[in-house]
Amino acid sequence: MMNQSFAQINFALKGGLNLANISTKSKIFNYSGDAKKKLVFHLGFAAEFPILEKYAIETGLLFSKKGIRFEDSYTSASVDLNYMDFYIHAKRILDFGYMNVFIYAGPYRAYAI
C-alpha cells in the first residue's frame, strides 16, 4: 500500500528590523567622522515549497530600507536607501522539540529603487 502526500505551499508576510551600515574604501568618499548604524526595517512576502519533511525551498520579495547616519562636531546627516530584495533559499529545519532552528542558504538580488 502506498501513501501519497502532496505538500502544500505556505505563504507568509515577513517583516523585521535591521541595523544598517555602509562601509567604503572609495577615495572619493572619505568620511573621517563617526558613522553610526541606522535602525531600518524590511517588509514583504514569502512562499515556501516543502520538499521533504525537514527541507524546503523558500522564495520571497522584500522592501528593505538601508542607510547610515553621520555625526561629528560640525554636522550630522542621514542617508536613506530603498531596495527591493528577491531571494531563493534552500531551507533546512532542525527540530529540537522545544524549538525549531532554520538554516538558509542561497542567492539574493537587491535592486535600488
N, C-alpha and C. Protein backbone atom coordinates (compact mmCIF):
# COMPACT_ATOMS: atom_id res chain seq x y z
N MET A 1 0.84 -1.17 0.00
CA MET A 1 0.00 0.00 0.00
C MET A 1 0.89 1.24 0.00
N MET A 2 0.61 2.16 -0.88
CA MET A 2 1.37 3.40 -0.96
C MET A 2 0.53 4.55 -0.45
N ASN A 3 1.17 5.40 0.28
CA ASN A 3 0.50 6.59 0.78
C ASN A 3 1.15 7.80 0.12
N GLN A 4 0.39 8.51 -0.70
CA GLN A 4 0.91 9.71 -1.36
C GLN A 4 0.47 10.94 -0.60
N SER A 5 1.40 11.84 -0.42
CA SER A 5 1.12 13.09 0.27
C SER A 5 1.63 14.22 -0.61
N PHE A 6 0.80 15.18 -0.83
CA PHE A 6 1.18 16.33 -1.64
C PHE A 6 1.43 17.51 -0.72
N ALA A 7 2.61 18.07 -0.83
CA ALA A 7 3.00 19.19 0.03
C ALA A 7 2.22 20.44 -0.36
N GLN A 8 1.86 21.19 0.64
CA GLN A 8 1.12 22.42 0.42
C GLN A 8 2.08 23.60 0.46
N ILE A 9 1.89 24.53 -0.46
CA ILE A 9 2.71 25.74 -0.49
C ILE A 9 2.25 26.65 0.65
N ASN A 10 3.20 27.16 1.40
CA ASN A 10 2.90 28.06 2.51
C ASN A 10 3.28 29.47 2.13
N PHE A 11 2.39 30.42 2.38
CA PHE A 11 2.65 31.83 2.12
C PHE A 11 2.75 32.57 3.45
N ALA A 12 3.62 33.59 3.49
CA ALA A 12 3.82 34.32 4.73
C ALA A 12 4.15 35.78 4.45
N LEU A 13 3.75 36.64 5.38
CA LEU A 13 4.22 38.02 5.40
C LEU A 13 5.47 38.04 6.25
N LYS A 14 6.48 38.78 5.82
CA LYS A 14 7.73 38.87 6.57
C LYS A 14 8.01 40.33 6.88
N GLY A 15 8.59 40.54 8.02
CA GLY A 15 8.96 41.89 8.40
C GLY A 15 9.95 41.84 9.54
N GLY A 16 10.69 42.90 9.70
CA GLY A 16 11.64 42.94 10.79
C GLY A 16 12.45 44.21 10.79
N LEU A 17 13.35 44.29 11.75
CA LEU A 17 14.22 45.44 11.91
C LEU A 17 15.66 45.04 11.60
N ASN A 18 16.40 45.97 11.07
CA ASN A 18 17.82 45.78 10.77
C ASN A 18 18.61 46.95 11.34
N LEU A 19 19.86 46.69 11.64
CA LEU A 19 20.82 47.75 11.92
C LEU A 19 21.69 47.89 10.68
N ALA A 20 21.48 48.94 9.92
CA ALA A 20 22.16 49.12 8.64
C ALA A 20 23.40 49.97 8.83
N ASN A 21 24.39 49.66 7.99
CA ASN A 21 25.63 50.42 7.99
C ASN A 21 26.23 50.30 6.59
N ILE A 22 27.02 51.26 6.20
CA ILE A 22 27.66 51.25 4.89
C ILE A 22 29.16 51.42 5.11
N SER A 23 29.95 50.61 4.44
CA SER A 23 31.40 50.80 4.50
C SER A 23 31.91 50.99 3.09
N THR A 24 32.97 51.77 2.96
CA THR A 24 33.52 52.06 1.64
C THR A 24 35.03 52.24 1.74
N LYS A 25 35.68 51.96 0.64
CA LYS A 25 37.12 52.23 0.53
C LYS A 25 37.37 53.19 -0.62
N SER A 26 36.34 53.92 -0.98
CA SER A 26 36.42 54.85 -2.08
C SER A 26 37.31 56.05 -1.74
N LYS A 27 38.11 56.49 -2.69
CA LYS A 27 38.92 57.69 -2.48
C LYS A 27 38.08 58.94 -2.63
N ILE A 28 36.95 58.81 -3.31
CA ILE A 28 36.05 59.96 -3.49
C ILE A 28 35.29 60.22 -2.20
N PHE A 29 34.79 59.14 -1.59
CA PHE A 29 34.00 59.26 -0.37
C PHE A 29 34.91 58.91 0.80
N ASN A 30 35.47 59.92 1.43
CA ASN A 30 36.40 59.70 2.53
C ASN A 30 35.87 60.48 3.73
N TYR A 31 35.09 59.83 4.54
CA TYR A 31 34.48 60.47 5.70
C TYR A 31 35.21 60.00 6.95
N SER A 32 35.74 60.91 7.73
CA SER A 32 36.50 60.54 8.91
C SER A 32 35.72 60.75 10.20
N GLY A 33 34.45 61.12 10.09
CA GLY A 33 33.64 61.33 11.29
C GLY A 33 33.13 60.02 11.86
N ASP A 34 32.14 60.11 12.70
CA ASP A 34 31.60 58.95 13.39
C ASP A 34 30.38 58.43 12.63
N ALA A 35 30.57 57.37 11.84
CA ALA A 35 29.46 56.75 11.12
C ALA A 35 28.74 55.80 12.07
N LYS A 36 27.43 55.94 12.18
CA LYS A 36 26.65 55.15 13.12
C LYS A 36 25.67 54.25 12.38
N LYS A 37 25.33 53.15 13.01
CA LYS A 37 24.33 52.25 12.44
C LYS A 37 22.97 52.91 12.51
N LYS A 38 22.14 52.56 11.55
CA LYS A 38 20.82 53.16 11.45
C LYS A 38 19.78 52.06 11.60
N LEU A 39 18.78 52.26 12.44
CA LEU A 39 17.70 51.30 12.62
C LEU A 39 16.71 51.44 11.47
N VAL A 40 16.57 50.39 10.68
CA VAL A 40 15.69 50.40 9.50
C VAL A 40 14.83 49.13 9.50
N PHE A 41 13.92 49.01 8.54
CA PHE A 41 13.01 47.87 8.51
C PHE A 41 13.00 47.20 7.15
N HIS A 42 12.44 46.01 7.11
CA HIS A 42 12.13 45.34 5.85
C HIS A 42 10.75 44.71 5.98
N LEU A 43 10.04 44.62 4.85
CA LEU A 43 8.68 44.13 4.83
C LEU A 43 8.41 43.51 3.48
N GLY A 44 7.74 42.36 3.46
CA GLY A 44 7.43 41.72 2.19
C GLY A 44 6.68 40.42 2.38
N PHE A 45 6.77 39.56 1.38
CA PHE A 45 6.07 38.29 1.45
C PHE A 45 6.99 37.18 0.97
N ALA A 46 6.64 35.95 1.37
CA ALA A 46 7.45 34.79 1.01
C ALA A 46 6.55 33.61 0.71
N ALA A 47 7.08 32.68 -0.07
CA ALA A 47 6.40 31.42 -0.36
C ALA A 47 7.36 30.29 -0.05
N GLU A 48 6.87 29.27 0.64
CA GLU A 48 7.68 28.12 0.98
C GLU A 48 7.13 26.89 0.28
N PHE A 49 8.03 26.19 -0.42
CA PHE A 49 7.67 24.98 -1.15
C PHE A 49 8.34 23.79 -0.47
N PRO A 50 7.59 23.04 0.36
CA PRO A 50 8.19 21.90 1.05
C PRO A 50 8.66 20.84 0.06
N ILE A 51 9.84 20.26 0.34
CA ILE A 51 10.40 19.20 -0.50
C ILE A 51 10.30 17.88 0.24
N LEU A 52 10.90 17.83 1.41
CA LEU A 52 10.82 16.67 2.30
C LEU A 52 10.34 17.18 3.66
N GLU A 53 10.28 16.30 4.62
CA GLU A 53 9.75 16.69 5.93
C GLU A 53 10.52 17.84 6.56
N LYS A 54 11.83 17.86 6.42
CA LYS A 54 12.66 18.89 7.06
C LYS A 54 13.38 19.80 6.07
N TYR A 55 12.99 19.77 4.81
CA TYR A 55 13.63 20.58 3.77
C TYR A 55 12.58 21.33 2.96
N ALA A 56 12.94 22.54 2.52
CA ALA A 56 12.02 23.33 1.70
C ALA A 56 12.83 24.31 0.86
N ILE A 57 12.16 24.86 -0.15
CA ILE A 57 12.69 25.98 -0.93
C ILE A 57 11.82 27.18 -0.58
N GLU A 58 12.47 28.28 -0.21
CA GLU A 58 11.74 29.50 0.12
C GLU A 58 12.15 30.61 -0.82
N THR A 59 11.18 31.34 -1.32
CA THR A 59 11.44 32.49 -2.17
C THR A 59 10.61 33.66 -1.67
N GLY A 60 11.09 34.85 -1.91
CA GLY A 60 10.34 36.00 -1.43
C GLY A 60 10.79 37.30 -2.06
N LEU A 61 10.00 38.33 -1.81
CA LEU A 61 10.26 39.68 -2.28
C LEU A 61 10.07 40.61 -1.09
N LEU A 62 11.12 41.35 -0.76
CA LEU A 62 11.09 42.23 0.41
C LEU A 62 11.43 43.67 0.01
N PHE A 63 10.73 44.61 0.60
CA PHE A 63 11.11 46.02 0.52
C PHE A 63 12.02 46.28 1.71
N SER A 64 13.23 46.74 1.46
CA SER A 64 14.21 46.97 2.53
C SER A 64 14.71 48.40 2.50
N LYS A 65 14.83 48.96 3.67
CA LYS A 65 15.48 50.26 3.81
C LYS A 65 16.89 50.00 4.30
N LYS A 66 17.83 50.76 3.78
CA LYS A 66 19.23 50.66 4.19
C LYS A 66 19.75 52.07 4.32
N GLY A 67 20.84 52.24 5.00
CA GLY A 67 21.37 53.58 5.13
C GLY A 67 22.39 53.70 6.23
N ILE A 68 22.69 54.95 6.57
CA ILE A 68 23.72 55.23 7.57
C ILE A 68 23.48 56.63 8.15
N ARG A 69 23.98 56.85 9.35
CA ARG A 69 23.95 58.17 9.99
C ARG A 69 25.39 58.64 10.20
N PHE A 70 25.61 59.91 9.98
CA PHE A 70 26.93 60.53 10.22
C PHE A 70 26.76 61.60 11.27
N GLU A 71 27.70 61.65 12.18
CA GLU A 71 27.70 62.73 13.17
C GLU A 71 29.13 63.09 13.51
N ASP A 72 29.39 64.36 13.56
CA ASP A 72 30.65 64.86 14.09
C ASP A 72 30.37 66.19 14.76
N SER A 73 31.38 66.89 15.15
CA SER A 73 31.18 68.13 15.90
C SER A 73 30.63 69.26 15.03
N TYR A 74 30.70 69.13 13.69
CA TYR A 74 30.27 70.20 12.80
C TYR A 74 28.91 69.95 12.17
N THR A 75 28.57 68.70 11.94
CA THR A 75 27.34 68.42 11.20
C THR A 75 26.82 67.03 11.52
N SER A 76 25.60 66.79 11.10
CA SER A 76 25.03 65.45 11.15
C SER A 76 24.21 65.25 9.89
N ALA A 77 24.21 64.04 9.39
CA ALA A 77 23.49 63.75 8.16
C ALA A 77 23.01 62.30 8.21
N SER A 78 22.04 62.00 7.36
CA SER A 78 21.49 60.66 7.28
C SER A 78 21.29 60.31 5.81
N VAL A 79 21.65 59.09 5.45
CA VAL A 79 21.45 58.61 4.08
C VAL A 79 20.45 57.47 4.14
N ASP A 80 19.37 57.59 3.37
CA ASP A 80 18.35 56.54 3.29
C ASP A 80 18.34 55.95 1.89
N LEU A 81 18.38 54.63 1.81
CA LEU A 81 18.35 53.92 0.53
C LEU A 81 17.21 52.91 0.57
N ASN A 82 16.48 52.79 -0.53
CA ASN A 82 15.37 51.84 -0.63
C ASN A 82 15.71 50.75 -1.63
N TYR A 83 15.43 49.51 -1.29
CA TYR A 83 15.75 48.36 -2.14
C TYR A 83 14.59 47.39 -2.19
N MET A 84 14.48 46.70 -3.31
CA MET A 84 13.62 45.52 -3.43
C MET A 84 14.57 44.32 -3.46
N ASP A 85 14.42 43.41 -2.51
CA ASP A 85 15.27 42.22 -2.40
C ASP A 85 14.47 41.00 -2.86
N PHE A 86 15.02 40.24 -3.77
CA PHE A 86 14.43 38.98 -4.23
C PHE A 86 15.39 37.86 -3.86
N TYR A 87 14.87 36.80 -3.27
CA TYR A 87 15.75 35.70 -2.86
C TYR A 87 15.12 34.33 -3.15
N ILE A 88 15.97 33.35 -3.32
CA ILE A 88 15.59 31.93 -3.41
C ILE A 88 16.56 31.17 -2.52
N HIS A 89 16.03 30.56 -1.46
CA HIS A 89 16.88 29.88 -0.49
C HIS A 89 16.46 28.43 -0.28
N ALA A 90 17.44 27.58 -0.09
CA ALA A 90 17.18 26.23 0.42
C ALA A 90 17.05 26.37 1.93
N LYS A 91 16.09 25.68 2.50
CA LYS A 91 15.80 25.81 3.93
C LYS A 91 15.89 24.44 4.59
N ARG A 92 16.60 24.36 5.68
CA ARG A 92 16.71 23.12 6.48
C ARG A 92 16.11 23.42 7.84
N ILE A 93 15.20 22.56 8.29
CA ILE A 93 14.52 22.74 9.56
C ILE A 93 15.11 21.75 10.57
N LEU A 94 15.64 22.28 11.67
CA LEU A 94 16.16 21.45 12.75
C LEU A 94 15.17 21.52 13.91
N ASP A 95 14.60 20.38 14.28
CA ASP A 95 13.58 20.31 15.33
C ASP A 95 14.24 19.83 16.62
N PHE A 96 14.27 20.71 17.63
CA PHE A 96 14.83 20.36 18.92
C PHE A 96 13.74 20.06 19.95
N GLY A 97 12.52 19.85 19.50
CA GLY A 97 11.42 19.56 20.42
C GLY A 97 10.80 20.82 20.99
N TYR A 98 11.57 21.59 21.71
CA TYR A 98 11.07 22.81 22.33
C TYR A 98 11.20 24.03 21.43
N MET A 99 11.97 23.89 20.33
CA MET A 99 12.11 24.99 19.38
C MET A 99 12.62 24.46 18.05
N ASN A 100 12.38 25.21 17.00
CA ASN A 100 12.90 24.91 15.67
C ASN A 100 13.97 25.92 15.30
N VAL A 101 15.00 25.45 14.64
CA VAL A 101 16.05 26.32 14.10
C VAL A 101 16.03 26.15 12.59
N PHE A 102 16.08 27.27 11.87
CA PHE A 102 16.05 27.24 10.41
C PHE A 102 17.41 27.65 9.87
N ILE A 103 17.93 26.88 8.94
CA ILE A 103 19.20 27.21 8.27
C ILE A 103 18.87 27.50 6.81
N TYR A 104 19.28 28.67 6.33
CA TYR A 104 19.02 29.09 4.95
C TYR A 104 20.33 29.23 4.20
N ALA A 105 20.28 28.88 2.92
CA ALA A 105 21.44 29.10 2.05
C ALA A 105 20.92 29.36 0.64
N GLY A 106 21.49 30.36 -0.03
CA GLY A 106 21.08 30.62 -1.40
C GLY A 106 21.31 32.08 -1.79
N PRO A 107 21.05 32.36 -3.04
CA PRO A 107 21.32 33.71 -3.57
C PRO A 107 20.17 34.70 -3.32
N TYR A 108 20.53 35.96 -3.39
CA TYR A 108 19.51 37.00 -3.43
C TYR A 108 20.01 38.13 -4.31
N ARG A 109 19.09 38.92 -4.78
CA ARG A 109 19.42 40.05 -5.64
C ARG A 109 18.67 41.26 -5.09
N ALA A 110 19.36 42.39 -4.96
CA ALA A 110 18.75 43.61 -4.45
C ALA A 110 18.79 44.67 -5.55
N TYR A 111 17.67 45.34 -5.75
CA TYR A 111 17.54 46.39 -6.76
C TYR A 111 17.22 47.70 -6.06
N ALA A 112 18.04 48.71 -6.28
CA ALA A 112 17.79 50.04 -5.70
C ALA A 112 16.57 50.66 -6.38
N ILE A 113 15.70 51.24 -5.59
CA ILE A 113 14.50 51.92 -6.14
C ILE A 113 14.43 53.35 -5.64
